[in-house]
């Protein structure tokens, strides 16, 4: 009885298998999803199976509603009624772009098409917590959850996985209203989480917010395959596929404070130091000093160029800066090293002003100023044309009155010559007064009748080097003052400056500077426009006063 029952069950199972095998053999191309309900930003795997070994699916129609991720394929051999069937299974990771019922259209595979499908996408999903019993999970760290606008924020994404990886793709999308770039190479470590060993991959990013307000960093995504055996490849097993989605992070971006130093430079810390500082020099010969700046929380694009000091009685030449970007404890760090060469014009004591940079302390919420002390160099007499030159006295140079003053080796011996020079000057003034009294009032009349073109022309008060320093480390008011002072003669206000400029781009840059000064606005953007417009210096209009001919022409016109 039992044997008959078993025979009947065996016959039924065999009949079902025989009926199933031809159906499978005739199933040419089909597609399916590993899930039918997901959330926005959560990955889903689409699989397409076909027996057309030379044809691959066309997934281009999916780009409108999905972000297309990693793609893989596997082959499988099967026996049916004595015949061998070779199938290929394609796996594609899709991430929905929006919520709703998203349609997956029929996909073309060679001469065949799959059946259309639909996927239900929710608006949000609760991000799974990082658990020690999960085989793969992600976490995101930021070094400052409440940064200022245009402050550099260090973002670190960590991938935890307990099984060996054969391949994988780790992505972090840039949030709207901010720039995001990967910095450096991935760092591999290992950790223990809830008593379980994990391999960890750290990937670092640099985030800069363009405007204030809430800023949402999307959750990172990982799609990969574990290092399985050849049996998985042969039979098309899915045990090697690995996926993980991290939780999003929200930052509260603060606006630029009123009255903050310009250019706007939000940092965690800024330190200046002399790497090399000489104590002596020789007239006519170059001597070098090296300055190093270490900015915590800055990138190369944010930190202004170290300025070139203006030294009375010497020429200063600066070499291109050497830059080194790195991460320190999850925070971006920039080291700038610049070498300067100073050539004294004469012997004496030379004072080289220390470099200064104004910045904003993001941790204390206060304005700071990083500065270096001035360098005092004892300059020995030079050779050739520099043998007899001397430098202005340091006290007179600081007051701006020592341009024509010279010093000698003995200060006491120089006093008689000083009084003698004053006596000659007084005698010369008396001579001029006597001469004017003899001429009477004729001379003033002639001076009043002299044309305006005979008056002395005022020279510019600023140079191109002053403009570079103002654009790098000065305020917008300093930039305006320097540009007005570069004209011949210097201009009284911005209206005159706009009228004197010949370049439309430079006139528009001045108008933008004027709007920022009086109506408020983006000072960083205005400074960038000024740098670009005045990179080659001001372009003045070629306006000359008409020449008045004092004598009639020799020949009639």
Foldseek 3Di string as FASTA:
>chain_A
DVVVVVVVVVVVVVVVVLVVQVVVVPPAKEKDKPDQEEAAQAKIKIKMKGQPVVWDKDQVVVVVFWDKDDKDKFWEWDAHPRDIGIMMMIIIITGGHAADKAKDPWIDTPPDTYHIDIHGYHHDDDADDDAQVDQKEKDKDWPAQAAAAQFKIKIKMKIWHQFAFPDKDKDWDAWPQKDKDWDDDWDWDWDAGPNGITIMIITMMIIHGHAFAKIKGAWMKMWGFGDDDVVCRHHVDDPGIDIYTGHIGIGGYHYDDPPAAPPAAEFQDKAKDKPDADAAEAAQDKDKTKMKMKTWRDDPVRAFDFAWFDWAQKDKDKDDWDWDWDDDPSIIMIMIMIMMIIHGNEFDKTKTAWTKAWYANRVVRGIDMHIDHIHIYGYHQDDDPHNPDAGFDPVCVVVVNRNPPGDDPDPVVCVVVVVVVVVVVVVVVVVVVVVDVVVPCPVVVVVVVDDPVVDDWAAAPADPSQLSCCLRGNALVSNQQRLQRNDTNRDDHLVVSLVFFDDPLQSVLSVVSVCCVPVNDNRNVSSVSNCVVQVVHTHTDPDDDDDDDPDDDPDDD
